[in-house]
Amino acid sequence: MATSISASGCVGSSFYGSWGTSIVGDDYATLAKSVPSQVRMGRGKPVRLQPMMKNVNEGKGIFAPLVVVTRNIIGKKRFNQLRGKAIALHSQVITEFCKSIGADAKQRQGLIRLAKKNGEWLGFLA
């Protein structure tokens, strides 16, 4: 036996309205109508659109042009492998530094986050 409960039918609930109006505002319906959720390819089944993943740091920072040129020369796959190795090595250096000064795990994590923020600012993550 299946039952369903509606949020609008709850008395004394702090939930008012729909998720669309509570998160996005009154223009949600207009926005939802203007963006297609599916695209038909020929006569086949509808295909869902993939979200566009773009690097927000593209072109920002003093080292960004060098990073972009290097990525274009050696290829994205190899570049991401090298970047991953560099980040892992840098995290190990931070960990060893924290061990030598007696910093706890929370301080170590803070230093790693600071290193990431500085890398974004300088353009290493472009």
C-alpha atoms as a PDB file:
ATOM      1  CA  MET A   1       0.000   0.000   0.000  1.00  0.00           C
ATOM      2  CA  ALA A   2       1.523   3.317  -1.078  1.00  0.00           C
ATOM      3  CA  THR A   3       0.788   6.662   0.485  1.00  0.00           C
ATOM      4  CA  SER A   4       1.932  10.127  -0.391  1.00  0.00           C
ATOM      5  CA  ILE A   5       2.269  13.218   1.734  1.00  0.00           C
ATOM      6  CA  SER A   6       2.220  16.716   0.326  1.00  0.00           C
ATOM      7  CA  ALA A   7       4.216  19.523   1.930  1.00  0.00           C
ATOM      8  CA  SER A   8       1.447  21.971   1.128  1.00  0.00           C
ATOM      9  CA  GLY A   9      -0.992  19.934   3.224  1.00  0.00           C
ATOM     10  CA  CYS A  10       1.079  20.130   6.412  1.00  0.00           C
ATOM     11  CA  VAL A  11      -0.421  22.387   9.066  1.00  0.00           C
ATOM     12  CA  GLY A  12       2.017  24.289  11.240  1.00  0.00           C
ATOM     13  CA  SER A  13       4.890  23.637   8.869  1.00  0.00           C
ATOM     14  CA  SER A  14       7.567  26.268   8.286  1.00  0.00           C
ATOM     15  CA  PHE A  15       7.649  25.323   4.600  1.00  0.00           C
ATOM     16  CA  TYR A  16       5.776  27.846   2.451  1.00  0.00           C
ATOM     17  CA  GLY A  17       5.744  28.036  -1.320  1.00  0.00           C
ATOM     18  CA  SER A  18       7.684  25.856  -3.676  1.00  0.00           C
ATOM     19  CA  TRP A  19      11.399  25.224  -3.940  1.00  0.00           C
ATOM     20  CA  GLY A  20      11.552  27.303  -7.104  1.00  0.00           C
ATOM     21  CA  THR A  21      10.207  30.461  -5.515  1.00  0.00           C
ATOM     22  CA  SER A  22      12.082  29.992  -2.258  1.00  0.00           C
ATOM     23  CA  ILE A  23      15.465  29.491  -3.906  1.00  0.00           C
ATOM     24  CA  VAL A  24      15.461  31.370  -7.194  1.00  0.00           C
ATOM     25  CA  GLY A  25      12.604  33.833  -6.868  1.00  0.00           C
ATOM     26  CA  ASP A  26       9.517  34.601  -8.902  1.00  0.00           C
ATOM     27  CA  ASP A  27      11.379  34.458 -12.211  1.00  0.00           C
ATOM     28  CA  TYR A  28      11.999  30.703 -11.834  1.00  0.00           C
ATOM     29  CA  ALA A  29       9.085  29.698 -14.071  1.00  0.00           C
ATOM     30  CA  THR A  30      10.224  32.057 -16.820  1.00  0.00           C
ATOM     31  CA  LEU A  31      13.786  30.782 -16.545  1.00  0.00           C
ATOM     32  CA  ALA A  32      12.712  27.135 -16.568  1.00  0.00           C
ATOM     33  CA  LYS A  33      10.660  27.654 -19.736  1.00  0.00           C
ATOM     34  CA  SER A  34      13.503  29.390 -21.573  1.00  0.00           C
ATOM     35  CA  VAL A  35      16.067  26.628 -20.974  1.00  0.00           C
ATOM     36  CA  PRO A  36      15.408  23.328 -22.779  1.00  0.00           C
ATOM     37  CA  SER A  37      16.004  20.239 -20.683  1.00  0.00           C
ATOM     38  CA  GLN A  38      16.274  17.902 -23.669  1.00  0.00           C
ATOM     39  CA  VAL A  39      17.361  18.145 -27.299  1.00  0.00           C
ATOM     40  CA  ARG A  40      16.198  15.820 -30.070  1.00  0.00           C
ATOM     41  CA  MET A  41      18.931  14.502 -32.336  1.00  0.00           C
ATOM     42  CA  GLY A  42      17.321  13.623 -35.696  1.00  0.00           C
ATOM     43  CA  ARG A  43      14.632  10.997 -35.229  1.00  0.00           C
ATOM     44  CA  GLY A  44      16.197   9.430 -32.168  1.00  0.00           C
ATOM     45  CA  LYS A  45      15.364   9.711 -28.523  1.00  0.00           C
ATOM     46  CA  PRO A  46      15.815  13.043 -26.727  1.00  0.00           C
ATOM     47  CA  VAL A  47      19.309  13.595 -25.374  1.00  0.00           C
ATOM     48  CA  ARG A  48      19.855  15.443 -22.087  1.00  0.00           C
ATOM     49  CA  LEU A  49      22.092  18.475 -22.275  1.00  0.00           C
ATOM     50  CA  GLN A  50      25.310  18.206 -20.313  1.00  0.00           C
ATOM     51  CA  PRO A  51      26.240  21.171 -18.108  1.00  0.00           C
ATOM     52  CA  MET A  52      29.065  23.253 -19.540  1.00  0.00           C
ATOM     53  CA  MET A  53      32.131  22.829 -17.352  1.00  0.00           C
ATOM     54  CA  LYS A  54      34.427  25.796 -17.716  1.00  0.00           C
ATOM     55  CA  ASN A  55      37.407  26.799 -15.651  1.00  0.00           C
ATOM     56  CA  VAL A  56      36.554  30.023 -13.834  1.00  0.00           C
ATOM     57  CA  ASN A  57      40.276  30.774 -13.436  1.00  0.00           C
ATOM     58  CA  GLU A  58      40.941  30.762 -17.190  1.00  0.00           C
ATOM     59  CA  GLY A  59      43.130  33.757 -18.011  1.00  0.00           C
ATOM     60  CA  LYS A  60      43.371  35.065 -14.443  1.00  0.00           C
ATOM     61  CA  GLY A  61      46.597  35.391 -12.504  1.00  0.00           C
ATOM     62  CA  ILE A  62      50.154  36.233 -13.425  1.00  0.00           C
ATOM     63  CA  PHE A  63      51.084  32.640 -14.384  1.00  0.00           C
ATOM     64  CA  ALA A  64      47.833  31.815 -16.216  1.00  0.00           C
ATOM     65  CA  PRO A  65      49.177  32.482 -19.748  1.00  0.00           C
ATOM     66  CA  LEU A  66      52.154  30.192 -19.119  1.00  0.00           C
ATOM     67  CA  VAL A  67      49.877  27.477 -17.715  1.00  0.00           C
ATOM     68  CA  VAL A  68      47.508  27.691 -20.699  1.00  0.00           C
ATOM     69  CA  VAL A  69      50.338  27.560 -23.255  1.00  0.00           C
ATOM     70  CA  THR A  70      51.940  24.594 -21.483  1.00  0.00           C
ATOM     71  CA  ARG A  71      48.598  22.740 -21.382  1.00  0.00           C
ATOM     72  CA  ASN A  72      48.091  23.362 -25.103  1.00  0.00           C
ATOM     73  CA  ILE A  73      51.590  22.123 -25.954  1.00  0.00           C
ATOM     74  CA  ILE A  74      51.671  18.902 -23.921  1.00  0.00           C
ATOM     75  CA  GLY A  75      47.950  18.087 -24.022  1.00  0.00           C
ATOM     76  CA  LYS A  76      45.258  18.144 -21.371  1.00  0.00           C
ATOM     77  CA  LYS A  77      45.663  14.558 -20.184  1.00  0.00           C
ATOM     78  CA  ARG A  78      49.418  14.755 -19.619  1.00  0.00           C
ATOM     79  CA  PHE A  79      49.108  18.262 -18.179  1.00  0.00           C
ATOM     80  CA  ASN A  80      46.499  17.145 -15.623  1.00  0.00           C
ATOM     81  CA  GLN A  81      48.723  14.204 -14.637  1.00  0.00           C
ATOM     82  CA  LEU A  82      51.666  16.542 -14.028  1.00  0.00           C
ATOM     83  CA  ARG A  83      49.461  19.032 -12.173  1.00  0.00           C
ATOM     84  CA  GLY A  84      48.130  16.236  -9.947  1.00  0.00           C
ATOM     85  CA  LYS A  85      51.648  15.064  -9.131  1.00  0.00           C
ATOM     86  CA  ALA A  86      52.746  18.632  -8.332  1.00  0.00           C
ATOM     87  CA  ILE A  87      49.757  19.198  -6.052  1.00  0.00           C
ATOM     88  CA  ALA A  88      50.365  15.872  -4.267  1.00  0.00           C
ATOM     89  CA  LEU A  89      54.054  16.710  -3.787  1.00  0.00           C
ATOM     90  CA  HIS A  90      53.187  20.165  -2.459  1.00  0.00           C
ATOM     91  CA  SER A  91      50.672  18.667  -0.019  1.00  0.00           C
ATOM     92  CA  GLN A  92      53.389  16.267   1.204  1.00  0.00           C
ATOM     93  CA  VAL A  93      55.755  19.194   1.758  1.00  0.00           C
ATOM     94  CA  ILE A  94      53.060  21.001   3.756  1.00  0.00           C
ATOM     95  CA  THR A  95      52.418  17.827   5.792  1.00  0.00           C
ATOM     96  CA  GLU A  96      56.118  17.393   6.583  1.00  0.00           C
ATOM     97  CA  PHE A  97      56.367  21.057   7.536  1.00  0.00           C
ATOM     98  CA  CYS A  98      53.394  20.677   9.894  1.00  0.00           C
ATOM     99  CA  LYS A  99      54.987  17.597  11.475  1.00  0.00           C
ATOM    100  CA  SER A 100      58.258  19.462  12.041  1.00  0.00           C
ATOM    101  CA  ILE A 101      56.583  22.401  13.796  1.00  0.00           C
ATOM    102  CA  GLY A 102      54.020  20.299  15.638  1.00  0.00           C
ATOM    103  CA  ALA A 103      50.894  21.653  13.914  1.00  0.00           C
ATOM    104  CA  ASP A 104      47.710  19.598  14.215  1.00  0.00           C
ATOM    105  CA  ALA A 105      45.594  18.248  11.347  1.00  0.00           C
ATOM    106  CA  LYS A 106      43.225  21.238  11.371  1.00  0.00           C
ATOM    107  CA  GLN A 107      46.102  23.702  10.925  1.00  0.00           C
ATOM    108  CA  ARG A 108      47.575  21.473   8.202  1.00  0.00           C
ATOM    109  CA  GLN A 109      44.260  21.454   6.324  1.00  0.00           C
ATOM    110  CA  GLY A 110      44.101  25.233   6.655  1.00  0.00           C
ATOM    111  CA  LEU A 111      47.555  25.557   5.102  1.00  0.00           C
ATOM    112  CA  ILE A 112      46.565  23.284   2.207  1.00  0.00           C
ATOM    113  CA  ARG A 113      43.435  25.387   1.583  1.00  0.00           C
ATOM    114  CA  LEU A 114      45.553  28.547   1.702  1.00  0.00           C
ATOM    115  CA  ALA A 115      47.956  27.032  -0.836  1.00  0.00           C
ATOM    116  CA  LYS A 116      45.030  26.247  -3.158  1.00  0.00           C
ATOM    117  CA  LYS A 117      43.666  29.784  -2.820  1.00  0.00           C
ATOM    118  CA  ASN A 118      47.105  31.254  -3.553  1.00  0.00           C
ATOM    119  CA  GLY A 119      47.489  28.920  -6.564  1.00  0.00           C
ATOM    120  CA  GLU A 120      44.168  30.140  -7.949  1.00  0.00           C
ATOM    121  CA  TRP A 121      45.154  33.768  -7.358  1.00  0.00           C
ATOM    122  CA  LEU A 122      48.532  33.319  -9.085  1.00  0.00           C
ATOM    123  CA  GLY A 123      46.987  31.499 -12.044  1.00  0.00           C
ATOM    124  CA  PHE A 124      48.441  28.026 -11.508  1.00  0.00           C
ATOM    125  CA  LEU A 125      44.949  26.503 -11.696  1.00  0.00           C
ATOM    126  CA  ALA A 126      44.031  28.175 -14.995  1.00  0.00           C
END
